[in-house]
Amino acid sequence: MSAITFKTIGIGVTFSPNLEANINEAARLALCFGSKLVLIHVGESSEKKSNTFRTFLSPFENQGLEYELFYKSGDPVDVILTSTKEKKVDLLIIGALKKENFLKYYLGSIARKITRKANCSVLLLINPSINRVPCKHIVVNGLKDPKTKETVNAAFLVGHKLGVGKITVVEEIDQEEVSVKVDDDKTLRKSTIIKERLRLREEARVKKVLDSIPADYTKDITIKSQLIFGKRGYSIGHYAQVARADLLVMNAPSKMTFWDRLFPHDIEHILTELPTDVLIVQ
């Protein structure tokens, strides 16, 4: 399994109320991972804009941050997608507005399109902070998928770098897999047996994934495995919210011919109602 690396981190920057907080979050992550930071601004360059960006970045530059300001005019989605390719960005950060009335519009028009088409991992920030807020709990999907090993590996890498104390691997089981109509003791026992078999199967599968994680990444982290029966995507998002996770880590949607059919059942639920900051691993 190839190790996830974030050599270059990009962030789309606009002059919103969260500009300083978004830049600070991105700069801290870049320093944490030893990455170069690229600020991508959709629009013409100007000395005034550059001075504003440099002012926010100055404290981090003093800590050794390497960064680049990149300006390009055009459609926001196209500009950000082409810029990430041009600058070989491994992780793209997008600041999402938290207010409900803006959130749906913003995600529908910008972040959702970028998330679907990006060739790199995407971090959606809804809780940016000017001053660092410790990340204490990460929830990561453990569903049966070829991408899951790498996604879980990425979650532990991030957890290791950020000093996270707890990571929960959530396996979502579609309710249809245990769709037994319970109307007497016999059917109740049948339903219980099916659920127990699924639980044992999933625990064994997730254990194999966890065994492949480098020991350095798991050191000092409490690891929990959680089985959930429900609608894929919605269930894990709800769990992350209830568990007060600081970060939810998910597989990127498949880009094969059938992804249009799968996407609404997985990431779409997360994007519609972001439970917390979300990292989508490509």
C-alpha atoms as a PDB file:
ATOM      1  CA  MET A   1       0.000   0.000   0.000  1.00  0.00           C
ATOM      2  CA  SER A   2       1.465   3.346  -1.034  1.00  0.00           C
ATOM      3  CA  ALA A   3       1.744   5.893   1.750  1.00  0.00           C
ATOM      4  CA  ILE A   4      -0.403   9.025   1.545  1.00  0.00           C
ATOM      5  CA  THR A   5       1.675  12.202   1.260  1.00  0.00           C
ATOM      6  CA  PHE A   6       0.636  15.833   1.138  1.00  0.00           C
ATOM      7  CA  LYS A   7       3.693  17.471  -0.422  1.00  0.00           C
ATOM      8  CA  THR A   8       1.693  20.408  -1.735  1.00  0.00           C
ATOM      9  CA  ILE A   9      -1.421  21.793  -0.052  1.00  0.00           C
ATOM     10  CA  GLY A  10      -3.665  24.192  -1.933  1.00  0.00           C
ATOM     11  CA  ILE A  11      -6.451  26.402  -0.647  1.00  0.00           C
ATOM     12  CA  GLY A  12      -9.013  28.391  -2.572  1.00  0.00           C
ATOM     13  CA  VAL A  13      -9.077  31.873  -1.009  1.00  0.00           C
ATOM     14  CA  THR A  14     -11.790  34.503  -1.309  1.00  0.00           C
ATOM     15  CA  PHE A  15     -12.223  37.710   0.664  1.00  0.00           C
ATOM     16  CA  SER A  16     -14.826  36.289   3.019  1.00  0.00           C
ATOM     17  CA  PRO A  17     -15.148  36.831   6.786  1.00  0.00           C
ATOM     18  CA  ASN A  18     -13.317  33.498   7.274  1.00  0.00           C
ATOM     19  CA  LEU A  19     -10.303  34.446   5.137  1.00  0.00           C
ATOM     20  CA  GLU A  20      -7.796  34.773   7.990  1.00  0.00           C
ATOM     21  CA  ALA A  21      -9.086  31.657   9.763  1.00  0.00           C
ATOM     22  CA  ASN A  22      -8.952  29.581   6.552  1.00  0.00           C
ATOM     23  CA  ILE A  23      -5.417  30.758   5.744  1.00  0.00           C
ATOM     24  CA  ASN A  24      -4.264  30.053   9.312  1.00  0.00           C
ATOM     25  CA  GLU A  25      -5.722  26.537   9.218  1.00  0.00           C
ATOM     26  CA  ALA A  26      -4.055  25.822   5.870  1.00  0.00           C
ATOM     27  CA  ALA A  27      -0.710  27.267   6.994  1.00  0.00           C
ATOM     28  CA  ARG A  28      -0.740  25.219  10.218  1.00  0.00           C
ATOM     29  CA  LEU A  29      -1.481  22.029   8.247  1.00  0.00           C
ATOM     30  CA  ALA A  30       1.275  22.804   5.739  1.00  0.00           C
ATOM     31  CA  LEU A  31       3.799  23.274   8.551  1.00  0.00           C
ATOM     32  CA  CYS A  32       2.543  20.118  10.262  1.00  0.00           C
ATOM     33  CA  PHE A  33       3.030  18.018   7.117  1.00  0.00           C
ATOM     34  CA  GLY A  34       6.130  19.846   5.893  1.00  0.00           C
ATOM     35  CA  SER A  35       4.201  20.839   2.783  1.00  0.00           C
ATOM     36  CA  LYS A  36       4.356  23.766   0.403  1.00  0.00           C
ATOM     37  CA  LEU A  37       1.202  25.933   0.535  1.00  0.00           C
ATOM     38  CA  VAL A  38      -0.398  27.376  -2.593  1.00  0.00           C
ATOM     39  CA  LEU A  39      -3.054  30.067  -2.184  1.00  0.00           C
ATOM     40  CA  ILE A  40      -5.362  29.941  -5.214  1.00  0.00           C
ATOM     41  CA  HIS A  41      -7.378  33.101  -5.825  1.00  0.00           C
ATOM     42  CA  VAL A  42      -9.959  33.270  -8.591  1.00  0.00           C
ATOM     43  CA  GLY A  43      -9.426  36.739 -10.039  1.00  0.00           C
ATOM     44  CA  GLU A  44      -6.815  39.268 -11.106  1.00  0.00           C
ATOM     45  CA  SER A  45      -3.725  39.797  -8.999  1.00  0.00           C
ATOM     46  CA  SER A  46      -3.149  43.079  -7.190  1.00  0.00           C
ATOM     47  CA  GLU A  47      -0.648  44.430  -4.704  1.00  0.00           C
ATOM     48  CA  LYS A  48      -3.443  45.060  -2.203  1.00  0.00           C
ATOM     49  CA  LYS A  49      -4.629  41.421  -2.349  1.00  0.00           C
ATOM     50  CA  SER A  50      -1.082  40.071  -2.141  1.00  0.00           C
ATOM     51  CA  ASN A  51      -0.261  42.290   0.840  1.00  0.00           C
ATOM     52  CA  THR A  52      -3.358  41.019   2.672  1.00  0.00           C
ATOM     53  CA  PHE A  53      -2.379  37.389   2.055  1.00  0.00           C
ATOM     54  CA  ARG A  54       1.249  38.032   3.029  1.00  0.00           C
ATOM     55  CA  THR A  55       0.197  39.751   6.256  1.00  0.00           C
ATOM     56  CA  PHE A  56      -1.789  36.681   7.350  1.00  0.00           C
ATOM     57  CA  LEU A  57       1.020  34.336   6.279  1.00  0.00           C
ATOM     58  CA  SER A  58       3.866  36.300   7.851  1.00  0.00           C
ATOM     59  CA  PRO A  59       3.825  34.548  11.285  1.00  0.00           C
ATOM     60  CA  PHE A  60       3.934  31.142   9.568  1.00  0.00           C
ATOM     61  CA  GLU A  61       6.658  32.225   7.135  1.00  0.00           C
ATOM     62  CA  ASN A  62       8.769  32.999  10.203  1.00  0.00           C
ATOM     63  CA  GLN A  63       8.248  29.346  11.224  1.00  0.00           C
ATOM     64  CA  GLY A  64       9.586  28.139   7.880  1.00  0.00           C
ATOM     65  CA  LEU A  65       6.430  27.965   5.771  1.00  0.00           C
ATOM     66  CA  GLU A  66       7.028  27.855   2.022  1.00  0.00           C
ATOM     67  CA  TYR A  67       4.129  29.328   0.070  1.00  0.00           C
ATOM     68  CA  GLU A  68       3.054  30.673  -3.310  1.00  0.00           C
ATOM     69  CA  LEU A  69       0.279  33.094  -4.294  1.00  0.00           C
ATOM     70  CA  PHE A  70      -1.469  32.009  -7.490  1.00  0.00           C
ATOM     71  CA  TYR A  71      -4.004  34.149  -9.356  1.00  0.00           C
ATOM     72  CA  LYS A  72      -6.192  33.061 -12.246  1.00  0.00           C
ATOM     73  CA  SER A  73      -9.419  34.467 -13.672  1.00  0.00           C
ATOM     74  CA  GLY A  74     -12.346  32.401 -14.906  1.00  0.00           C
ATOM     75  CA  ASP A  75     -15.063  30.089 -13.653  1.00  0.00           C
ATOM     76  CA  PRO A  76     -14.290  29.277  -9.968  1.00  0.00           C
ATOM     77  CA  VAL A  77     -14.687  25.499 -10.351  1.00  0.00           C
ATOM     78  CA  ASP A  78     -12.593  25.330 -13.535  1.00  0.00           C
ATOM     79  CA  VAL A  79      -9.910  27.632 -12.131  1.00  0.00           C
ATOM     80  CA  ILE A  80      -9.523  25.663  -8.900  1.00  0.00           C
ATOM     81  CA  LEU A  81      -9.495  22.279 -10.667  1.00  0.00           C
ATOM     82  CA  THR A  82      -6.962  23.341 -13.324  1.00  0.00           C
ATOM     83  CA  SER A  83      -4.820  25.134 -10.731  1.00  0.00           C
ATOM     84  CA  THR A  84      -4.598  22.041  -8.506  1.00  0.00           C
ATOM     85  CA  LYS A  85      -3.354  20.040 -11.505  1.00  0.00           C
ATOM     86  CA  GLU A  86      -0.938  22.751 -12.623  1.00  0.00           C
ATOM     87  CA  LYS A  87       0.526  23.153  -9.137  1.00  0.00           C
ATOM     88  CA  LYS A  88       0.459  19.394  -8.425  1.00  0.00           C
ATOM     89  CA  VAL A  89      -1.644  19.854  -5.295  1.00  0.00           C
ATOM     90  CA  ASP A  90      -2.096  16.704  -3.171  1.00  0.00           C
ATOM     91  CA  LEU A  91      -4.623  18.200  -0.740  1.00  0.00           C
ATOM     92  CA  LEU A  92      -7.093  20.943  -1.624  1.00  0.00           C
ATOM     93  CA  ILE A  93      -8.715  22.899   1.219  1.00  0.00           C
ATOM     94  CA  ILE A  94     -12.080  24.528   0.672  1.00  0.00           C
ATOM     95  CA  GLY A  95     -13.649  26.764   3.286  1.00  0.00           C
ATOM     96  CA  ALA A  96     -17.393  26.101   3.521  1.00  0.00           C
ATOM     97  CA  LEU A  97     -19.759  28.612   5.077  1.00  0.00           C
ATOM     98  CA  LYS A  98     -21.492  27.171   8.100  1.00  0.00           C
ATOM     99  CA  LYS A  99     -24.735  29.170   7.994  1.00  0.00           C
ATOM    100  CA  GLU A 100     -27.517  26.942   6.729  1.00  0.00           C
ATOM    101  CA  ASN A 101     -28.883  29.411   4.186  1.00  0.00           C
ATOM    102  CA  PHE A 102     -25.455  29.867   2.595  1.00  0.00           C
ATOM    103  CA  LEU A 103     -24.108  26.359   3.140  1.00  0.00           C
ATOM    104  CA  LYS A 104     -26.437  24.560   0.754  1.00  0.00           C
ATOM    105  CA  TYR A 105     -25.896  27.086  -2.024  1.00  0.00           C
ATOM    106  CA  TYR A 106     -22.131  27.194  -1.573  1.00  0.00           C
ATOM    107  CA  LEU A 107     -21.716  23.439  -1.502  1.00  0.00           C
ATOM    108  CA  GLY A 108     -24.126  22.921  -4.374  1.00  0.00           C
ATOM    109  CA  SER A 109     -22.416  25.390  -6.667  1.00  0.00           C
ATOM    110  CA  ILE A 110     -18.739  25.110  -5.774  1.00  0.00           C
ATOM    111  CA  ALA A 111     -17.551  22.475  -3.312  1.00  0.00           C
ATOM    112  CA  ARG A 112     -19.754  19.642  -4.538  1.00  0.00           C
ATOM    113  CA  LYS A 113     -18.577  20.062  -8.144  1.00  0.00           C
ATOM    114  CA  ILE A 114     -14.948  20.318  -7.072  1.00  0.00           C
ATOM    115  CA  THR A 115     -15.262  17.293  -4.787  1.00  0.00           C
ATOM    116  CA  ARG A 116     -16.706  15.205  -7.621  1.00  0.00           C
ATOM    117  CA  LYS A 117     -14.052  16.200 -10.153  1.00  0.00           C
ATOM    118  CA  ALA A 118     -10.882  16.804  -8.119  1.00  0.00           C
ATOM    119  CA  ASN A 119      -7.904  14.540  -8.776  1.00  0.00           C
ATOM    120  CA  CYS A 120      -6.561  15.179  -5.282  1.00  0.00           C
ATOM    121  CA  SER A 121      -7.833  14.818  -1.724  1.00  0.00           C
ATOM    122  CA  VAL A 122     -10.227  17.536  -0.537  1.00  0.00           C
ATOM    123  CA  LEU A 123     -10.631  18.988   2.961  1.00  0.00           C
ATOM    124  CA  LEU A 124     -13.902  20.838   3.569  1.00  0.00           C
ATOM    125  CA  LEU A 125     -13.597  23.257   6.494  1.00  0.00           C
ATOM    126  CA  ILE A 126     -16.723  24.442   8.291  1.00  0.00           C
ATOM    127  CA  ASN A 127     -15.045  25.309  11.586  1.00  0.00           C
ATOM    128  CA  PRO A 128     -11.900  27.283  10.697  1.00  0.00           C
ATOM    129  CA  SER A 129     -10.182  29.026  13.578  1.00  0.00           C
ATOM    130  CA  ILE A 130      -7.599  31.812  13.677  1.00  0.00           C
ATOM    131  CA  ASN A 131      -6.051  30.148  16.726  1.00  0.00           C
ATOM    132  CA  ARG A 132      -5.445  26.409  16.747  1.00  0.00           C
ATOM    133  CA  VAL A 133      -8.218  24.238  18.158  1.00  0.00           C
ATOM    134  CA  PRO A 134      -6.903  20.722  18.940  1.00  0.00           C
ATOM    135  CA  CYS A 135      -8.327  17.868  16.863  1.00  0.00           C
ATOM    136  CA  LYS A 136      -9.247  15.206  19.422  1.00  0.00           C
ATOM    137  CA  HIS A 137     -11.453  12.680  17.606  1.00  0.00           C
ATOM    138  CA  ILE A 138     -11.411  11.444  13.996  1.00  0.00           C
ATOM    139  CA  VAL A 139     -14.131   9.262  12.485  1.00  0.00           C
ATOM    140  CA  VAL A 140     -13.215   7.342   9.309  1.00  0.00           C
ATOM    141  CA  ASN A 141     -15.269   5.100   7.043  1.00  0.00           C
ATOM    142  CA  GLY A 142     -14.382   1.409   7.172  1.00  0.00           C
ATOM    143  CA  LEU A 143     -16.718   0.220   4.433  1.00  0.00           C
ATOM    144  CA  LYS A 144     -15.812  -2.678   2.167  1.00  0.00           C
ATOM    145  CA  ASP A 145     -14.145  -0.910  -0.752  1.00  0.00           C
ATOM    146  CA  PRO A 146     -10.736  -1.058  -2.482  1.00  0.00           C
ATOM    147  CA  LYS A 147     -10.074   2.561  -1.436  1.00  0.00           C
ATOM    148  CA  THR A 148     -10.763   2.056   2.261  1.00  0.00           C
ATOM    149  CA  LYS A 149      -7.266   0.825   3.206  1.00  0.00           C
ATOM    150  CA  GLU A 150      -5.692   4.006   1.899  1.00  0.00           C
ATOM    151  CA  THR A 151      -8.397   6.188   3.452  1.00  0.00           C
ATOM    152  CA  VAL A 152      -7.931   4.635   6.897  1.00  0.00           C
ATOM    153  CA  ASN A 153      -4.169   4.975   6.480  1.00  0.00           C
ATOM    154  CA  ALA A 154      -4.656   8.679   5.686  1.00  0.00           C
ATOM    155  CA  ALA A 155      -6.858   9.118   8.773  1.00  0.00           C
ATOM    156  CA  PHE A 156      -4.128   7.676  11.001  1.00  0.00           C
ATOM    157  CA  LEU A 157      -1.438   9.762   9.300  1.00  0.00           C
ATOM    158  CA  VAL A 158      -3.465  12.912   9.964  1.00  0.00           C
ATOM    159  CA  GLY A 159      -4.209  11.721  13.498  1.00  0.00           C
ATOM    160  CA  HIS A 160      -0.518  11.094  14.133  1.00  0.00           C
ATOM    161  CA  LYS A 161       0.527  14.503  12.791  1.00  0.00           C
ATOM    162  CA  LEU A 162      -2.182  16.391  14.693  1.00  0.00           C
ATOM    163  CA  GLY A 163      -1.771  14.509  17.962  1.00  0.00           C
ATOM    164  CA  VAL A 164      -5.290  13.077  17.916  1.00  0.00           C
ATOM    165  CA  GLY A 165      -6.251  10.951  20.916  1.00  0.00           C
ATOM    166  CA  LYS A 166      -9.031   8.843  19.378  1.00  0.00           C
ATOM    167  CA  ILE A 167      -9.929   7.388  15.965  1.00  0.00           C
ATOM    168  CA  THR A 168     -13.168   5.513  15.316  1.00  0.00           C
ATOM    169  CA  VAL A 169     -13.500   3.279  12.261  1.00  0.00           C
ATOM    170  CA  VAL A 170     -17.169   3.096  11.282  1.00  0.00           C
ATOM    171  CA  GLU A 171     -18.512   0.217   9.203  1.00  0.00           C
ATOM    172  CA  GLU A 172     -21.890   0.993   7.685  1.00  0.00           C
ATOM    173  CA  ILE A 173     -24.086  -2.004   6.908  1.00  0.00           C
ATOM    174  CA  ASP A 174     -27.082  -1.442   4.675  1.00  0.00           C
ATOM    175  CA  GLN A 175     -30.270  -2.302   6.547  1.00  0.00           C
ATOM    176  CA  GLU A 176     -31.298  -4.515   3.612  1.00  0.00           C
ATOM    177  CA  GLU A 177     -28.549  -6.988   4.537  1.00  0.00           C
ATOM    178  CA  VAL A 178     -30.440  -7.787   7.727  1.00  0.00           C
ATOM    179  CA  SER A 179     -33.955  -7.298   6.377  1.00  0.00           C
ATOM    180  CA  VAL A 180     -35.724 -10.030   8.303  1.00  0.00           C
ATOM    181  CA  LYS A 181     -39.310  -9.313   9.287  1.00  0.00           C
ATOM    182  CA  VAL A 182     -39.374  -9.850  13.041  1.00  0.00           C
ATOM    183  CA  ASP A 183     -42.798 -11.001  14.221  1.00  0.00           C
ATOM    184  CA  ASP A 184     -41.983 -13.897  16.570  1.00  0.00           C
ATOM    185  CA  ASP A 185     -39.137 -15.438  18.586  1.00  0.00           C
ATOM    186  CA  LYS A 186     -37.883 -17.489  15.630  1.00  0.00           C
ATOM    187  CA  THR A 187     -37.488 -14.511  13.284  1.00  0.00           C
ATOM    188  CA  LEU A 188     -36.000 -12.445  16.120  1.00  0.00           C
ATOM    189  CA  ARG A 189     -33.310 -15.106  16.650  1.00  0.00           C
ATOM    190  CA  LYS A 190     -32.680 -15.227  12.889  1.00  0.00           C
ATOM    191  CA  SER A 191     -32.241 -11.447  12.754  1.00  0.00           C
ATOM    192  CA  THR A 192     -29.917 -11.525  15.780  1.00  0.00           C
ATOM    193  CA  ILE A 193     -27.783 -14.308  14.257  1.00  0.00           C
ATOM    194  CA  ILE A 194     -27.474 -12.446  10.932  1.00  0.00           C
ATOM    195  CA  LYS A 195     -26.388  -9.260  12.711  1.00  0.00           C
ATOM    196  CA  GLU A 196     -23.856 -11.137  14.831  1.00  0.00           C
ATOM    197  CA  ARG A 197     -22.354 -12.854  11.767  1.00  0.00           C
ATOM    198  CA  LEU A 198     -22.088  -9.496  10.007  1.00  0.00           C
ATOM    199  CA  ARG A 199     -20.466  -7.957  13.077  1.00  0.00           C
ATOM    200  CA  LEU A 200     -17.838 -10.713  13.280  1.00  0.00           C
ATOM    201  CA  ARG A 201     -17.190 -10.497   9.536  1.00  0.00           C
ATOM    202  CA  GLU A 202     -16.745  -6.742   9.653  1.00  0.00           C
ATOM    203  CA  GLU A 203     -14.548  -6.836  12.752  1.00  0.00           C
ATOM    204  CA  ALA A 204     -12.214  -9.348  11.071  1.00  0.00           C
ATOM    205  CA  ARG A 205     -12.053  -7.253   7.888  1.00  0.00           C
ATOM    206  CA  VAL A 206     -11.380  -3.993   9.713  1.00  0.00           C
ATOM    207  CA  LYS A 207      -8.734  -5.662  11.875  1.00  0.00           C
ATOM    208  CA  LYS A 208      -6.825  -6.588   8.696  1.00  0.00           C
ATOM    209  CA  VAL A 209      -6.962  -2.960   7.580  1.00  0.00           C
ATOM    210  CA  LEU A 210      -5.772  -1.715  10.971  1.00  0.00           C
ATOM    211  CA  ASP A 211      -2.949  -4.268  11.068  1.00  0.00           C
ATOM    212  CA  SER A 212      -1.522  -2.655   7.909  1.00  0.00           C
ATOM    213  CA  ILE A 213      -1.229   0.792   9.528  1.00  0.00           C
ATOM    214  CA  PRO A 214       2.365   1.758  10.477  1.00  0.00           C
ATOM    215  CA  ALA A 215       2.949   1.406  14.229  1.00  0.00           C
ATOM    216  CA  ASP A 216       4.093   5.047  14.457  1.00  0.00           C
ATOM    217  CA  TYR A 217       0.671   6.210  13.269  1.00  0.00           C
ATOM    218  CA  THR A 218      -1.260   4.226  15.882  1.00  0.00           C
ATOM    219  CA  LYS A 219       0.954   5.062  18.853  1.00  0.00           C
ATOM    220  CA  ASP A 220      -0.891   6.894  21.668  1.00  0.00           C
ATOM    221  CA  ILE A 221      -4.205   6.735  19.771  1.00  0.00           C
ATOM    222  CA  THR A 222      -7.274   4.990  21.185  1.00  0.00           C
ATOM    223  CA  ILE A 223      -8.806   2.956  18.356  1.00  0.00           C
ATOM    224  CA  LYS A 224     -12.491   2.091  18.293  1.00  0.00           C
ATOM    225  CA  SER A 225     -14.473   0.082  15.745  1.00  0.00           C
ATOM    226  CA  GLN A 226     -18.178   0.895  15.379  1.00  0.00           C
ATOM    227  CA  LEU A 227     -20.752  -1.083  13.375  1.00  0.00           C
ATOM    228  CA  ILE A 228     -23.795   0.864  12.194  1.00  0.00           C
ATOM    229  CA  PHE A 229     -26.893  -0.415  10.392  1.00  0.00           C
ATOM    230  CA  GLY A 230     -28.481   2.221   8.177  1.00  0.00           C
ATOM    231  CA  LYS A 231     -28.230   4.282   4.998  1.00  0.00           C
ATOM    232  CA  ARG A 232     -24.644   4.584   3.806  1.00  0.00           C
ATOM    233  CA  GLY A 233     -23.268   8.108   4.063  1.00  0.00           C
ATOM    234  CA  TYR A 234     -26.121   9.425   6.178  1.00  0.00           C
ATOM    235  CA  SER A 235     -25.395   7.006   9.041  1.00  0.00           C
ATOM    236  CA  ILE A 236     -21.707   7.839   9.375  1.00  0.00           C
ATOM    237  CA  GLY A 237     -22.409  11.559   9.108  1.00  0.00           C
ATOM    238  CA  HIS A 238     -24.974  11.306  11.889  1.00  0.00           C
ATOM    239  CA  TYR A 239     -22.568   9.222  13.995  1.00  0.00           C
ATOM    240  CA  ALA A 240     -19.752  11.779  13.517  1.00  0.00           C
ATOM    241  CA  GLN A 241     -22.103  14.517  14.681  1.00  0.00           C
ATOM    242  CA  VAL A 242     -23.368  12.631  17.733  1.00  0.00           C
ATOM    243  CA  ALA A 243     -19.822  11.504  18.657  1.00  0.00           C
ATOM    244  CA  ARG A 244     -18.674  15.138  18.323  1.00  0.00           C
ATOM    245  CA  ALA A 245     -15.889  14.201  15.950  1.00  0.00           C
ATOM    246  CA  ASP A 246     -13.556  16.997  14.893  1.00  0.00           C
ATOM    247  CA  LEU A 247     -12.910  15.413  11.491  1.00  0.00           C
ATOM    248  CA  LEU A 248     -14.710  12.892   9.289  1.00  0.00           C
ATOM    249  CA  VAL A 249     -12.538  11.036   6.754  1.00  0.00           C
ATOM    250  CA  MET A 250     -14.220   9.437   3.732  1.00  0.00           C
ATOM    251  CA  ASN A 251     -13.351   7.630   0.498  1.00  0.00           C
ATOM    252  CA  ALA A 252     -13.535   9.765  -2.628  1.00  0.00           C
ATOM    253  CA  PRO A 253     -16.499   8.941  -4.884  1.00  0.00           C
ATOM    254  CA  SER A 254     -15.734   6.482  -7.678  1.00  0.00           C
ATOM    255  CA  LYS A 255     -15.214   7.988 -11.115  1.00  0.00           C
ATOM    256  CA  MET A 256     -16.272   4.864 -13.002  1.00  0.00           C
ATOM    257  CA  THR A 257     -19.368   4.724 -15.181  1.00  0.00           C
ATOM    258  CA  PHE A 258     -21.590   3.804 -12.261  1.00  0.00           C
ATOM    259  CA  TRP A 259     -20.442   6.548  -9.836  1.00  0.00           C
ATOM    260  CA  ASP A 260     -23.353   8.822 -10.701  1.00  0.00           C
ATOM    261  CA  ARG A 261     -25.623   6.137  -9.270  1.00  0.00           C
ATOM    262  CA  LEU A 262     -23.486   5.515  -6.175  1.00  0.00           C
ATOM    263  CA  PHE A 263     -22.535   9.095  -5.324  1.00  0.00           C
ATOM    264  CA  PRO A 264     -25.915  10.283  -3.998  1.00  0.00           C
ATOM    265  CA  HIS A 265     -25.975   7.372  -1.522  1.00  0.00           C
ATOM    266  CA  ASP A 266     -22.553   8.118  -0.056  1.00  0.00           C
ATOM    267  CA  ILE A 267     -20.754  11.464  -0.121  1.00  0.00           C
ATOM    268  CA  GLU A 268     -23.862  13.381  -1.198  1.00  0.00           C
ATOM    269  CA  HIS A 269     -25.440  12.898   2.236  1.00  0.00           C
ATOM    270  CA  ILE A 270     -22.274  14.239   3.856  1.00  0.00           C
ATOM    271  CA  LEU A 271     -22.064  17.260   1.534  1.00  0.00           C
ATOM    272  CA  THR A 272     -25.716  18.167   2.038  1.00  0.00           C
ATOM    273  CA  GLU A 273     -25.336  18.446   5.805  1.00  0.00           C
ATOM    274  CA  LEU A 274     -21.687  18.634   6.800  1.00  0.00           C
ATOM    275  CA  PRO A 275     -21.511  17.181  10.332  1.00  0.00           C
ATOM    276  CA  THR A 276     -18.003  18.529  10.913  1.00  0.00           C
ATOM    277  CA  ASP A 277     -14.848  19.188   8.874  1.00  0.00           C
ATOM    278  CA  VAL A 278     -14.603  16.502   6.186  1.00  0.00           C
ATOM    279  CA  LEU A 279     -11.520  15.033   4.492  1.00  0.00           C
ATOM    280  CA  ILE A 280     -12.253  13.159   1.268  1.00  0.00           C
ATOM    281  CA  VAL A 281      -9.250  10.997   0.358  1.00  0.00           C
ATOM    282  CA  GLN A 282      -8.420  10.568  -3.313  1.00  0.00           C
END
